[in-house]
Amino acid sequence: MTATMKEALYYSNDDIRIIEKPIPEINDDEILLKVEAAGICGSDVIEWYRRDKVPLVLGHEVSGTIVEAGANVEKFKIGDRVVAAHHVPCNTCKYCLSGHQTVCDTLRSTNFYPGGFAQYLRLPEINVKNGLYLLPDSVSFEEGTFVEPLACCVRAQRLAGVKPAQTVAVIGSGLAGLLHINLLRASGATTIIATDINDFRLSAAKKFGADYTLNAKENVPEAIKDINGGVLADTVIISAGANSAIEQGLKSVRRGGTVLFFSAAEDGAKLPLSINEIFWRTEVSLLSSYAGSIADHINALELIRTKRVNIKDMITDVLPLAQISQGFKLTAEAGSSLKIIIKPNTAL
């Protein structure tokens, strides 16, 4: 009789079905992972991004225990506690060799099966080689789910050239914004200014390292000037997808500064700017960043292990797989929850 498992099949934020499927079988180069914890990412609740791909099993922020290893797997063994990356680069193409591993064609086509919101998943050979990291005993499975999102922030801030003694404005204080804020604090940014329209999230931004918090309904550029001696921010990190947040971010950067686009925008969004107003004579740089490389994952795990980044206090809800619909609801509402963790093999 074939062994089975439960998984959450996503159709929409309001339609997630718990079904039973056979536990994946692995070949000699693969690993079977028992999923101990999987985080719900803000991108998981962006329905327009998923609508042409459903139904599918989401969950890419994953930690777990190896329960089966193929005969050719040498670096890992049964019982190892690990963090798994869902998208992994080839490390040999032009993109990878030029330092842009996260736009590698291989990275865009790789994934594990079926997804983190299942009791077990199969890690293909390339994920085993280029996207699996041992989890230190001092780091919980729940904390391990932050390696992937923190790696994205590590990469983004590196590409943006964020340096100590800068003034940085983070537009949007959801989970991604809070990770940026806490990482900025750990990296020595002199002045960190956070914005949001949600008072709970502004309070969280203060807790995780923001020097100043601004309600996004205010005149944020003028408020930044008041804080920063009449000068706008050196770097602006846009961690919200609303058109108003993007426009606000573009108006909040000083001449010669950098605007980093981190979050997905609204469906069909266009840049609301005048080339003459934003670029001509201003030398402003616009950058984007997507995902994290192998090095970024390693750095993120070390930041978590050494507790330089306080991700433990960002966890507000831990739910079993049976309550995943509630987790998606809390994430989509963006109210008084920050990070929701799903425990597929735990009945809470």
C-alpha atoms as a PDB file:
ATOM      1  CA  MET A   1       0.000   0.000   0.000  1.00  0.00           C
ATOM      2  CA  THR A   2       1.393   3.406  -1.015  1.00  0.00           C
ATOM      3  CA  ALA A   3       2.195   5.750   1.879  1.00  0.00           C
ATOM      4  CA  THR A   4       0.326   9.031   1.695  1.00  0.00           C
ATOM      5  CA  MET A   5       0.660  12.568   3.034  1.00  0.00           C
ATOM      6  CA  LYS A   6      -1.429  15.707   3.318  1.00  0.00           C
ATOM      7  CA  GLU A   7      -0.799  18.844   1.273  1.00  0.00           C
ATOM      8  CA  ALA A   8      -2.526  22.208   0.833  1.00  0.00           C
ATOM      9  CA  LEU A   9      -3.668  22.788  -2.743  1.00  0.00           C
ATOM     10  CA  TYR A  10      -3.989  26.514  -3.490  1.00  0.00           C
ATOM     11  CA  TYR A  11      -6.663  27.838  -5.865  1.00  0.00           C
ATOM     12  CA  SER A  12      -7.017  31.337  -4.386  1.00  0.00           C
ATOM     13  CA  ASN A  13      -6.591  33.058  -1.047  1.00  0.00           C
ATOM     14  CA  ASP A  14     -10.137  31.976  -0.177  1.00  0.00           C
ATOM     15  CA  ASP A  15      -9.915  28.479  -1.630  1.00  0.00           C
ATOM     16  CA  ILE A  16      -7.177  26.259  -0.198  1.00  0.00           C
ATOM     17  CA  ARG A  17      -7.967  22.547  -0.056  1.00  0.00           C
ATOM     18  CA  ILE A  18      -6.257  19.945   2.112  1.00  0.00           C
ATOM     19  CA  ILE A  19      -5.870  16.803   0.021  1.00  0.00           C
ATOM     20  CA  GLU A  20      -4.114  13.470   0.396  1.00  0.00           C
ATOM     21  CA  LYS A  21      -1.437  12.398  -2.081  1.00  0.00           C
ATOM     22  CA  PRO A  22       1.274   9.710  -2.245  1.00  0.00           C
ATOM     23  CA  ILE A  23       4.533  10.663  -0.529  1.00  0.00           C
ATOM     24  CA  PRO A  24       6.995  11.545  -3.327  1.00  0.00           C
ATOM     25  CA  GLU A  25       9.491   8.887  -4.365  1.00  0.00           C
ATOM     26  CA  ILE A  26      13.141   9.880  -4.825  1.00  0.00           C
ATOM     27  CA  ASN A  27      15.969   8.637  -7.059  1.00  0.00           C
ATOM     28  CA  ASP A  28      19.621   8.046  -6.107  1.00  0.00           C
ATOM     29  CA  ASP A  29      20.527  11.754  -6.350  1.00  0.00           C
ATOM     30  CA  GLU A  30      17.575  13.172  -4.439  1.00  0.00           C
ATOM     31  CA  ILE A  31      16.379  13.714  -0.886  1.00  0.00           C
ATOM     32  CA  LEU A  32      13.009  13.279   0.807  1.00  0.00           C
ATOM     33  CA  LEU A  33      12.398  16.007   3.363  1.00  0.00           C
ATOM     34  CA  LYS A  34       9.902  15.925   6.203  1.00  0.00           C
ATOM     35  CA  VAL A  35       8.668  19.520   6.370  1.00  0.00           C
ATOM     36  CA  GLU A  36       8.901  20.776   9.944  1.00  0.00           C
ATOM     37  CA  ALA A  37       8.058  24.423   9.238  1.00  0.00           C
ATOM     38  CA  ALA A  38       7.119  26.572   6.237  1.00  0.00           C
ATOM     39  CA  GLY A  39       6.553  30.323   6.249  1.00  0.00           C
ATOM     40  CA  ILE A  40       3.769  32.101   4.391  1.00  0.00           C
ATOM     41  CA  CYS A  41       5.406  34.757   2.193  1.00  0.00           C
ATOM     42  CA  GLY A  42       3.718  37.984   1.157  1.00  0.00           C
ATOM     43  CA  SER A  43       4.116  36.846  -2.456  1.00  0.00           C
ATOM     44  CA  ASP A  44       2.039  33.747  -1.678  1.00  0.00           C
ATOM     45  CA  VAL A  45      -1.084  35.898  -1.300  1.00  0.00           C
ATOM     46  CA  ILE A  46      -0.611  37.907  -4.529  1.00  0.00           C
ATOM     47  CA  GLU A  47      -3.482  36.291  -6.437  1.00  0.00           C
ATOM     48  CA  TRP A  48      -2.777  37.834  -9.857  1.00  0.00           C
ATOM     49  CA  TYR A  49       0.720  36.340  -9.737  1.00  0.00           C
ATOM     50  CA  ARG A  50      -0.711  32.836  -9.212  1.00  0.00           C
ATOM     51  CA  ARG A  51      -3.964  32.843 -11.172  1.00  0.00           C
ATOM     52  CA  ASP A  52      -2.550  31.273 -14.367  1.00  0.00           C
ATOM     53  CA  LYS A  53      -0.700  28.544 -12.452  1.00  0.00           C
ATOM     54  CA  VAL A  54      -3.310  27.217 -10.025  1.00  0.00           C
ATOM     55  CA  PRO A  55      -3.934  24.754  -8.558  1.00  0.00           C
ATOM     56  CA  LEU A  56      -0.523  24.342  -6.940  1.00  0.00           C
ATOM     57  CA  VAL A  57       1.161  23.685  -3.614  1.00  0.00           C
ATOM     58  CA  LEU A  58       2.881  26.840  -2.396  1.00  0.00           C
ATOM     59  CA  GLY A  59       5.486  27.236   0.335  1.00  0.00           C
ATOM     60  CA  HIS A  60       9.077  28.169  -0.481  1.00  0.00           C
ATOM     61  CA  GLU A  61      10.384  29.172   2.972  1.00  0.00           C
ATOM     62  CA  VAL A  62      11.083  25.680   4.240  1.00  0.00           C
ATOM     63  CA  SER A  63      13.006  23.838   6.933  1.00  0.00           C
ATOM     64  CA  GLY A  64      12.822  20.173   7.812  1.00  0.00           C
ATOM     65  CA  THR A  65      14.425  16.831   8.574  1.00  0.00           C
ATOM     66  CA  ILE A  66      15.925  14.492   5.981  1.00  0.00           C
ATOM     67  CA  VAL A  67      14.074  11.174   6.170  1.00  0.00           C
ATOM     68  CA  GLU A  68      15.451   9.554   3.023  1.00  0.00           C
ATOM     69  CA  ALA A  69      18.643  10.187   1.010  1.00  0.00           C
ATOM     70  CA  GLY A  70      19.565   8.721  -2.360  1.00  0.00           C
ATOM     71  CA  ALA A  71      22.555   6.420  -2.687  1.00  0.00           C
ATOM     72  CA  ASN A  72      24.624   9.087  -4.477  1.00  0.00           C
ATOM     73  CA  VAL A  73      23.999  11.838  -1.905  1.00  0.00           C
ATOM     74  CA  GLU A  74      27.230  12.386   0.057  1.00  0.00           C
ATOM     75  CA  LYS A  75      26.952  15.752   1.838  1.00  0.00           C
ATOM     76  CA  PHE A  76      23.758  14.981   3.749  1.00  0.00           C
ATOM     77  CA  LYS A  77      22.314  12.068   5.679  1.00  0.00           C
ATOM     78  CA  ILE A  78      19.084  10.877   7.248  1.00  0.00           C
ATOM     79  CA  GLY A  79      18.307  12.893  10.386  1.00  0.00           C
ATOM     80  CA  ASP A  80      20.022  16.110   9.260  1.00  0.00           C
ATOM     81  CA  ARG A  81      18.130  19.303  10.071  1.00  0.00           C
ATOM     82  CA  VAL A  82      18.209  21.491   6.950  1.00  0.00           C
ATOM     83  CA  VAL A  83      16.913  24.582   5.175  1.00  0.00           C
ATOM     84  CA  ALA A  84      15.999  24.110   1.516  1.00  0.00           C
ATOM     85  CA  ALA A  85      16.017  26.722  -1.267  1.00  0.00           C
ATOM     86  CA  HIS A  86      13.304  26.252  -3.873  1.00  0.00           C
ATOM     87  CA  HIS A  87      14.977  28.132  -6.755  1.00  0.00           C
ATOM     88  CA  VAL A  88      18.675  27.410  -7.314  1.00  0.00           C
ATOM     89  CA  PRO A  89      21.215  28.677  -9.895  1.00  0.00           C
ATOM     90  CA  CYS A  90      23.428  26.642 -12.203  1.00  0.00           C
ATOM     91  CA  ASN A  91      26.582  28.629 -11.258  1.00  0.00           C
ATOM     92  CA  THR A  92      28.007  28.201 -14.769  1.00  0.00           C
ATOM     93  CA  CYS A  93      26.032  30.501 -17.106  1.00  0.00           C
ATOM     94  CA  LYS A  94      26.800  34.102 -18.066  1.00  0.00           C
ATOM     95  CA  TYR A  95      24.359  35.442 -15.488  1.00  0.00           C
ATOM     96  CA  CYS A  96      25.841  33.419 -12.636  1.00  0.00           C
ATOM     97  CA  LEU A  97      29.437  34.167 -13.570  1.00  0.00           C
ATOM     98  CA  SER A  98      28.682  37.897 -13.681  1.00  0.00           C
ATOM     99  CA  GLY A  99      27.219  37.858 -10.162  1.00  0.00           C
ATOM    100  CA  HIS A 100      23.556  37.744 -11.152  1.00  0.00           C
ATOM    101  CA  GLN A 101      22.712  34.206 -10.051  1.00  0.00           C
ATOM    102  CA  THR A 102      19.126  35.165  -9.285  1.00  0.00           C
ATOM    103  CA  VAL A 103      18.278  35.846 -12.937  1.00  0.00           C
ATOM    104  CA  CYS A 104      19.812  32.550 -14.088  1.00  0.00           C
ATOM    105  CA  ASP A 105      17.548  30.549 -16.425  1.00  0.00           C
ATOM    106  CA  THR A 106      18.079  27.460 -14.284  1.00  0.00           C
ATOM    107  CA  LEU A 107      17.039  29.313 -11.124  1.00  0.00           C
ATOM    108  CA  ARG A 108      13.820  30.378 -12.842  1.00  0.00           C
ATOM    109  CA  SER A 109      12.971  26.789 -13.799  1.00  0.00           C
ATOM    110  CA  THR A 110      13.955  24.853 -10.657  1.00  0.00           C
ATOM    111  CA  ASN A 111      11.737  24.033  -7.686  1.00  0.00           C
ATOM    112  CA  PHE A 112      11.148  21.298  -5.176  1.00  0.00           C
ATOM    113  CA  TYR A 113       8.075  19.044  -5.265  1.00  0.00           C
ATOM    114  CA  PRO A 114       5.314  19.624  -4.396  1.00  0.00           C
ATOM    115  CA  GLY A 115       5.906  22.667  -2.132  1.00  0.00           C
ATOM    116  CA  GLY A 116       6.458  23.545   1.501  1.00  0.00           C
ATOM    117  CA  PHE A 117       2.798  23.378   2.479  1.00  0.00           C
ATOM    118  CA  ALA A 118       2.927  19.592   2.434  1.00  0.00           C
ATOM    119  CA  GLN A 119       4.085  17.031   4.962  1.00  0.00           C
ATOM    120  CA  TYR A 120       6.933  15.820   2.743  1.00  0.00           C
ATOM    121  CA  LEU A 121       8.737  17.128  -0.318  1.00  0.00           C
ATOM    122  CA  ARG A 122      11.229  15.805  -2.838  1.00  0.00           C
ATOM    123  CA  LEU A 123      14.433  17.757  -3.399  1.00  0.00           C
ATOM    124  CA  PRO A 124      15.800  17.275  -6.942  1.00  0.00           C
ATOM    125  CA  GLU A 125      19.533  16.723  -7.479  1.00  0.00           C
ATOM    126  CA  ILE A 126      20.322  20.352  -8.330  1.00  0.00           C
ATOM    127  CA  ASN A 127      18.514  21.582  -5.201  1.00  0.00           C
ATOM    128  CA  VAL A 128      20.507  19.111  -3.116  1.00  0.00           C
ATOM    129  CA  LYS A 129      23.763  20.396  -4.643  1.00  0.00           C
ATOM    130  CA  ASN A 130      23.051  24.133  -4.818  1.00  0.00           C
ATOM    131  CA  GLY A 131      20.257  24.865  -2.365  1.00  0.00           C
ATOM    132  CA  LEU A 132      20.460  22.832   0.840  1.00  0.00           C
ATOM    133  CA  TYR A 133      21.968  24.133   4.087  1.00  0.00           C
ATOM    134  CA  LEU A 134      22.523  22.423   7.432  1.00  0.00           C
ATOM    135  CA  LEU A 135      20.532  24.067  10.209  1.00  0.00           C
ATOM    136  CA  PRO A 136      22.557  24.586  13.426  1.00  0.00           C
ATOM    137  CA  ASP A 137      21.086  22.995  16.543  1.00  0.00           C
ATOM    138  CA  SER A 138      20.772  26.472  18.082  1.00  0.00           C
ATOM    139  CA  VAL A 139      18.378  27.583  15.321  1.00  0.00           C
ATOM    140  CA  SER A 140      14.787  26.342  15.482  1.00  0.00           C
ATOM    141  CA  PHE A 141      12.912  25.055  12.448  1.00  0.00           C
ATOM    142  CA  GLU A 142      10.652  28.113  12.703  1.00  0.00           C
ATOM    143  CA  GLU A 143      13.656  30.439  12.623  1.00  0.00           C
ATOM    144  CA  GLY A 144      15.083  28.447   9.723  1.00  0.00           C
ATOM    145  CA  THR A 145      12.158  29.475   7.524  1.00  0.00           C
ATOM    146  CA  PHE A 146      13.566  33.017   7.566  1.00  0.00           C
ATOM    147  CA  VAL A 147      16.786  32.073   5.748  1.00  0.00           C
ATOM    148  CA  GLU A 148      15.240  32.509   2.289  1.00  0.00           C
ATOM    149  CA  PRO A 149      13.481  35.864   2.888  1.00  0.00           C
ATOM    150  CA  LEU A 150      16.455  37.262   4.788  1.00  0.00           C
ATOM    151  CA  ALA A 151      18.777  36.152   1.963  1.00  0.00           C
ATOM    152  CA  CYS A 152      16.647  38.238  -0.402  1.00  0.00           C
ATOM    153  CA  CYS A 153      17.206  41.291   1.836  1.00  0.00           C
ATOM    154  CA  VAL A 154      20.936  40.620   2.170  1.00  0.00           C
ATOM    155  CA  ARG A 155      21.268  40.571  -1.610  1.00  0.00           C
ATOM    156  CA  ALA A 156      19.095  43.636  -2.123  1.00  0.00           C
ATOM    157  CA  GLN A 157      21.029  45.807   0.314  1.00  0.00           C
ATOM    158  CA  ARG A 158      24.335  44.659  -1.137  1.00  0.00           C
ATOM    159  CA  LEU A 159      23.251  45.513  -4.684  1.00  0.00           C
ATOM    160  CA  ALA A 160      22.002  48.899  -3.487  1.00  0.00           C
ATOM    161  CA  GLY A 161      25.384  49.629  -1.915  1.00  0.00           C
ATOM    162  CA  VAL A 162      23.944  50.379   1.524  1.00  0.00           C
ATOM    163  CA  LYS A 163      26.743  51.556   3.796  1.00  0.00           C
ATOM    164  CA  PRO A 164      27.144  52.554   7.442  1.00  0.00           C
ATOM    165  CA  ALA A 165      26.419  56.210   8.197  1.00  0.00           C
ATOM    166  CA  GLN A 166      23.657  56.424   5.587  1.00  0.00           C
ATOM    167  CA  THR A 167      20.087  57.547   6.013  1.00  0.00           C
ATOM    168  CA  VAL A 168      17.789  54.845   4.668  1.00  0.00           C
ATOM    169  CA  ALA A 169      14.027  55.087   4.210  1.00  0.00           C
ATOM    170  CA  VAL A 170      12.053  51.831   4.139  1.00  0.00           C
ATOM    171  CA  ILE A 171       8.694  52.342   2.438  1.00  0.00           C
ATOM    172  CA  GLY A 172       6.354  49.723   3.881  1.00  0.00           C
ATOM    173  CA  SER A 173       6.802  47.927   7.211  1.00  0.00           C
ATOM    174  CA  GLY A 174       5.354  44.524   6.459  1.00  0.00           C
ATOM    175  CA  LEU A 175       7.504  41.462   7.088  1.00  0.00           C
ATOM    176  CA  ALA A 176       9.916  42.286   4.245  1.00  0.00           C
ATOM    177  CA  GLY A 177      10.248  45.866   5.442  1.00  0.00           C
ATOM    178  CA  LEU A 178      10.898  44.702   9.006  1.00  0.00           C
ATOM    179  CA  LEU A 179      13.611  42.324   7.821  1.00  0.00           C
ATOM    180  CA  HIS A 180      15.226  45.204   5.940  1.00  0.00           C
ATOM    181  CA  ILE A 181      14.997  47.448   9.002  1.00  0.00           C
ATOM    182  CA  ASN A 182      16.525  44.865  11.327  1.00  0.00           C
ATOM    183  CA  LEU A 183      19.278  44.067   8.814  1.00  0.00           C
ATOM    184  CA  LEU A 184      20.024  47.777   8.380  1.00  0.00           C
ATOM    185  CA  ARG A 185      20.335  48.118  12.145  1.00  0.00           C
ATOM    186  CA  ALA A 186      22.713  45.144  12.261  1.00  0.00           C
ATOM    187  CA  SER A 187      24.736  46.649   9.387  1.00  0.00           C
ATOM    188  CA  GLY A 188      25.204  50.056  11.002  1.00  0.00           C
ATOM    189  CA  ALA A 189      22.962  52.417   9.054  1.00  0.00           C
ATOM    190  CA  THR A 190      22.976  55.690  10.999  1.00  0.00           C
ATOM    191  CA  THR A 191      19.368  56.739  10.466  1.00  0.00           C
ATOM    192  CA  ILE A 192      16.543  54.352   9.580  1.00  0.00           C
ATOM    193  CA  ILE A 193      13.156  55.834   8.673  1.00  0.00           C
ATOM    194  CA  ALA A 194      10.175  53.490   8.270  1.00  0.00           C
ATOM    195  CA  THR A 195       6.749  54.180   6.791  1.00  0.00           C
ATOM    196  CA  ASP A 196       3.405  52.379   6.774  1.00  0.00           C
ATOM    197  CA  ILE A 197      -0.298  53.115   7.097  1.00  0.00           C
ATOM    198  CA  ASN A 198      -0.751  50.499   9.837  1.00  0.00           C
ATOM    199  CA  ASP A 199       0.001  51.625  13.406  1.00  0.00           C
ATOM    200  CA  PHE A 200       0.759  48.056  14.520  1.00  0.00           C
ATOM    201  CA  ARG A 201       3.401  47.723  11.838  1.00  0.00           C
ATOM    202  CA  LEU A 202       4.865  51.139  12.616  1.00  0.00           C
ATOM    203  CA  SER A 203       5.208  50.026  16.234  1.00  0.00           C
ATOM    204  CA  ALA A 204       6.920  46.841  15.030  1.00  0.00           C
ATOM    205  CA  ALA A 205       9.259  48.891  12.834  1.00  0.00           C
ATOM    206  CA  LYS A 206      10.327  50.838  15.909  1.00  0.00           C
ATOM    207  CA  LYS A 207      10.854  47.599  17.838  1.00  0.00           C
ATOM    208  CA  PHE A 208      13.057  46.114  15.136  1.00  0.00           C
ATOM    209  CA  GLY A 209      15.340  49.091  14.696  1.00  0.00           C
ATOM    210  CA  ALA A 210      13.740  52.090  13.007  1.00  0.00           C
ATOM    211  CA  ASP A 211      14.871  55.422  14.429  1.00  0.00           C
ATOM    212  CA  TYR A 212      11.807  57.205  13.084  1.00  0.00           C
ATOM    213  CA  THR A 213       8.398  55.991  11.916  1.00  0.00           C
ATOM    214  CA  LEU A 214       6.113  57.939   9.601  1.00  0.00           C
ATOM    215  CA  ASN A 215       2.516  57.332   8.680  1.00  0.00           C
ATOM    216  CA  ALA A 216       2.526  56.985   4.897  1.00  0.00           C
ATOM    217  CA  LYS A 217      -0.487  59.289   4.697  1.00  0.00           C
ATOM    218  CA  GLU A 218       1.787  62.167   5.742  1.00  0.00           C
ATOM    219  CA  ASN A 219       4.027  64.153   3.401  1.00  0.00           C
ATOM    220  CA  VAL A 220       6.826  61.621   3.777  1.00  0.00           C
ATOM    221  CA  PRO A 221       9.506  63.418   1.681  1.00  0.00           C
ATOM    222  CA  GLU A 222       9.103  66.599   3.713  1.00  0.00           C
ATOM    223  CA  ALA A 223       9.151  64.636   6.965  1.00  0.00           C
ATOM    224  CA  ILE A 224      12.394  62.955   5.884  1.00  0.00           C
ATOM    225  CA  LYS A 225      13.908  66.357   5.200  1.00  0.00           C
ATOM    226  CA  ASP A 226      12.886  67.534   8.659  1.00  0.00           C
ATOM    227  CA  ILE A 227      14.554  64.487  10.208  1.00  0.00           C
ATOM    228  CA  ASN A 228      17.654  64.542   8.011  1.00  0.00           C
ATOM    229  CA  GLY A 229      18.763  68.169   8.109  1.00  0.00           C
ATOM    230  CA  GLY A 230      16.921  69.255   4.979  1.00  0.00           C
ATOM    231  CA  VAL A 231      18.181  66.369   2.827  1.00  0.00           C
ATOM    232  CA  LEU A 232      16.229  63.400   1.501  1.00  0.00           C
ATOM    233  CA  ALA A 233      17.294  59.770   2.085  1.00  0.00           C
ATOM    234  CA  ASP A 234      20.544  58.331   0.706  1.00  0.00           C
ATOM    235  CA  THR A 235      18.774  55.051  -0.076  1.00  0.00           C
ATOM    236  CA  VAL A 236      15.072  54.254  -0.368  1.00  0.00           C
ATOM    237  CA  ILE A 237      13.914  50.632  -0.152  1.00  0.00           C
ATOM    238  CA  ILE A 238      10.391  50.171  -1.514  1.00  0.00           C
ATOM    239  CA  SER A 239       8.889  47.190   0.329  1.00  0.00           C
ATOM    240  CA  ALA A 240       5.262  47.816  -0.567  1.00  0.00           C
ATOM    241  CA  GLY A 241       3.496  47.227  -3.858  1.00  0.00           C
ATOM    242  CA  ALA A 242       0.931  50.012  -3.905  1.00  0.00           C
ATOM    243  CA  ASN A 243       1.340  52.665  -6.615  1.00  0.00           C
ATOM    244  CA  SER A 244       1.208  55.356  -3.927  1.00  0.00           C
ATOM    245  CA  ALA A 245       4.133  53.734  -2.100  1.00  0.00           C
ATOM    246  CA  ILE A 246       6.205  53.619  -5.279  1.00  0.00           C
ATOM    247  CA  GLU A 247       5.526  57.268  -6.046  1.00  0.00           C
ATOM    248  CA  GLN A 248       6.315  58.224  -2.456  1.00  0.00           C
ATOM    249  CA  GLY A 249       9.582  56.299  -2.558  1.00  0.00           C
ATOM    250  CA  LEU A 250      10.702  57.981  -5.754  1.00  0.00           C
ATOM    251  CA  LYS A 251      10.133  61.376  -4.176  1.00  0.00           C
ATOM    252  CA  SER A 252      12.031  60.482  -1.005  1.00  0.00           C
ATOM    253  CA  VAL A 253      15.549  60.000  -2.398  1.00  0.00           C
ATOM    254  CA  ARG A 254      18.247  62.680  -2.509  1.00  0.00           C
ATOM    255  CA  ARG A 255      20.246  63.657  -5.587  1.00  0.00           C
ATOM    256  CA  GLY A 256      22.830  60.971  -6.252  1.00  0.00           C
ATOM    257  CA  GLY A 257      20.874  58.497  -4.119  1.00  0.00           C
ATOM    258  CA  THR A 258      19.446  55.047  -4.819  1.00  0.00           C
ATOM    259  CA  VAL A 259      15.913  53.683  -4.985  1.00  0.00           C
ATOM    260  CA  LEU A 260      15.646  49.915  -4.591  1.00  0.00           C
ATOM    261  CA  PHE A 261      12.482  48.185  -5.821  1.00  0.00           C
ATOM    262  CA  PHE A 262      12.097  45.130  -3.586  1.00  0.00           C
ATOM    263  CA  SER A 263       8.433  44.118  -3.543  1.00  0.00           C
ATOM    264  CA  ALA A 264       6.178  43.115  -6.394  1.00  0.00           C
ATOM    265  CA  ALA A 265       3.964  45.976  -7.542  1.00  0.00           C
ATOM    266  CA  GLU A 266       0.259  45.917  -8.327  1.00  0.00           C
ATOM    267  CA  ASP A 267      -0.775  44.057 -11.465  1.00  0.00           C
ATOM    268  CA  GLY A 268       0.028  46.187 -14.514  1.00  0.00           C
ATOM    269  CA  ALA A 269       1.722  48.961 -12.493  1.00  0.00           C
ATOM    270  CA  LYS A 270       3.929  51.449 -14.378  1.00  0.00           C
ATOM    271  CA  LEU A 271       6.607  53.762 -13.039  1.00  0.00           C
ATOM    272  CA  PRO A 272       4.873  57.050 -12.134  1.00  0.00           C
ATOM    273  CA  LEU A 273       7.733  59.372 -12.999  1.00  0.00           C
ATOM    274  CA  SER A 274       9.002  62.031 -15.315  1.00  0.00           C
ATOM    275  CA  ILE A 275      12.454  61.280 -16.715  1.00  0.00           C
ATOM    276  CA  ASN A 276      13.415  64.942 -16.513  1.00  0.00           C
ATOM    277  CA  GLU A 277      12.151  65.248 -12.940  1.00  0.00           C
ATOM    278  CA  ILE A 278      13.666  62.041 -11.588  1.00  0.00           C
ATOM    279  CA  PHE A 279      16.811  61.473 -13.669  1.00  0.00           C
ATOM    280  CA  TRP A 280      18.022  64.519 -15.521  1.00  0.00           C
ATOM    281  CA  ARG A 281      20.520  66.389 -13.345  1.00  0.00           C
ATOM    282  CA  THR A 282      19.787  64.194 -10.299  1.00  0.00           C
ATOM    283  CA  GLU A 283      21.988  61.097 -10.885  1.00  0.00           C
ATOM    284  CA  VAL A 284      19.460  58.953  -9.025  1.00  0.00           C
ATOM    285  CA  SER A 285      19.915  55.189  -9.481  1.00  0.00           C
ATOM    286  CA  LEU A 286      16.934  52.852  -9.746  1.00  0.00           C
ATOM    287  CA  LEU A 287      17.657  49.212  -8.905  1.00  0.00           C
ATOM    288  CA  SER A 288      15.724  45.992  -8.533  1.00  0.00           C
ATOM    289  CA  SER A 289      16.587  42.825  -6.676  1.00  0.00           C
ATOM    290  CA  TYR A 290      15.083  39.350  -6.840  1.00  0.00           C
ATOM    291  CA  ALA A 291      15.679  36.308  -4.629  1.00  0.00           C
ATOM    292  CA  GLY A 292      19.064  35.394  -3.124  1.00  0.00           C
ATOM    293  CA  SER A 293      22.209  33.598  -4.272  1.00  0.00           C
ATOM    294  CA  ILE A 294      23.918  30.700  -2.504  1.00  0.00           C
ATOM    295  CA  ALA A 295      26.248  33.151  -0.730  1.00  0.00           C
ATOM    296  CA  ASP A 296      23.269  35.258   0.349  1.00  0.00           C
ATOM    297  CA  HIS A 297      21.607  32.204   1.912  1.00  0.00           C
ATOM    298  CA  ILE A 298      24.798  31.309   3.763  1.00  0.00           C
ATOM    299  CA  ASN A 299      25.160  34.879   5.050  1.00  0.00           C
ATOM    300  CA  ALA A 300      21.502  34.990   6.089  1.00  0.00           C
ATOM    301  CA  LEU A 301      21.819  31.740   8.033  1.00  0.00           C
ATOM    302  CA  GLU A 302      24.873  33.081   9.848  1.00  0.00           C
ATOM    303  CA  LEU A 303      23.051  36.306  10.737  1.00  0.00           C
ATOM    304  CA  ILE A 304      20.264  34.217  12.228  1.00  0.00           C
ATOM    305  CA  ARG A 305      22.634  31.832  14.034  1.00  0.00           C
ATOM    306  CA  THR A 306      24.517  34.689  15.685  1.00  0.00           C
ATOM    307  CA  LYS A 307      21.235  36.484  16.458  1.00  0.00           C
ATOM    308  CA  ARG A 308      22.450  39.664  14.791  1.00  0.00           C
ATOM    309  CA  VAL A 309      19.036  39.771  13.153  1.00  0.00           C
ATOM    310  CA  ASN A 310      16.099  39.238  15.501  1.00  0.00           C
ATOM    311  CA  ILE A 311      13.717  37.151  13.470  1.00  0.00           C
ATOM    312  CA  LYS A 312      12.321  35.114  16.366  1.00  0.00           C
ATOM    313  CA  ASP A 313      10.156  37.995  17.595  1.00  0.00           C
ATOM    314  CA  MET A 314       8.680  38.494  14.122  1.00  0.00           C
ATOM    315  CA  ILE A 315       6.774  35.206  14.389  1.00  0.00           C
ATOM    316  CA  THR A 316       3.234  36.038  15.477  1.00  0.00           C
ATOM    317  CA  ASP A 317       1.338  32.873  14.516  1.00  0.00           C
ATOM    318  CA  VAL A 318       2.217  29.164  14.294  1.00  0.00           C
ATOM    319  CA  LEU A 319      -0.521  27.028  12.734  1.00  0.00           C
ATOM    320  CA  PRO A 320      -1.009  23.403  11.678  1.00  0.00           C
ATOM    321  CA  LEU A 321      -1.650  22.556   8.030  1.00  0.00           C
ATOM    322  CA  ALA A 322      -5.356  22.194   8.786  1.00  0.00           C
ATOM    323  CA  GLN A 323      -5.506  25.925   9.589  1.00  0.00           C
ATOM    324  CA  ILE A 324      -3.551  27.175   6.575  1.00  0.00           C
ATOM    325  CA  SER A 325      -6.600  29.062   5.252  1.00  0.00           C
ATOM    326  CA  GLN A 326      -6.563  31.142   8.434  1.00  0.00           C
ATOM    327  CA  GLY A 327      -2.859  31.787   7.910  1.00  0.00           C
ATOM    328  CA  PHE A 328      -3.444  33.059   4.380  1.00  0.00           C
ATOM    329  CA  LYS A 329      -6.288  35.239   5.617  1.00  0.00           C
ATOM    330  CA  LEU A 330      -4.081  36.829   8.286  1.00  0.00           C
ATOM    331  CA  THR A 331      -1.268  37.396   5.777  1.00  0.00           C
ATOM    332  CA  ALA A 332      -3.559  38.941   3.140  1.00  0.00           C
ATOM    333  CA  GLU A 333      -5.260  41.226   5.678  1.00  0.00           C
ATOM    334  CA  ALA A 334      -1.879  42.595   6.835  1.00  0.00           C
ATOM    335  CA  GLY A 335      -3.365  43.593  10.160  1.00  0.00           C
ATOM    336  CA  SER A 336      -1.829  42.629  13.501  1.00  0.00           C
ATOM    337  CA  SER A 337       0.075  39.555  12.296  1.00  0.00           C
ATOM    338  CA  LEU A 338       3.636  39.633  10.988  1.00  0.00           C
ATOM    339  CA  LYS A 339       4.982  36.177  10.148  1.00  0.00           C
ATOM    340  CA  ILE A 340       2.748  33.116   9.991  1.00  0.00           C
ATOM    341  CA  ILE A 341       4.461  29.718  10.152  1.00  0.00           C
ATOM    342  CA  ILE A 342       2.766  26.504   9.052  1.00  0.00           C
ATOM    343  CA  LYS A 343       3.756  23.205  10.733  1.00  0.00           C
ATOM    344  CA  PRO A 344       2.565  20.494   8.315  1.00  0.00           C
ATOM    345  CA  ASN A 345       3.428  17.572  10.584  1.00  0.00           C
ATOM    346  CA  THR A 346       2.194  19.040  13.856  1.00  0.00           C
ATOM    347  CA  ALA A 347      -1.332  19.041  15.238  1.00  0.00           C
ATOM    348  CA  LEU A 348      -1.475  22.200  17.338  1.00  0.00           C
END
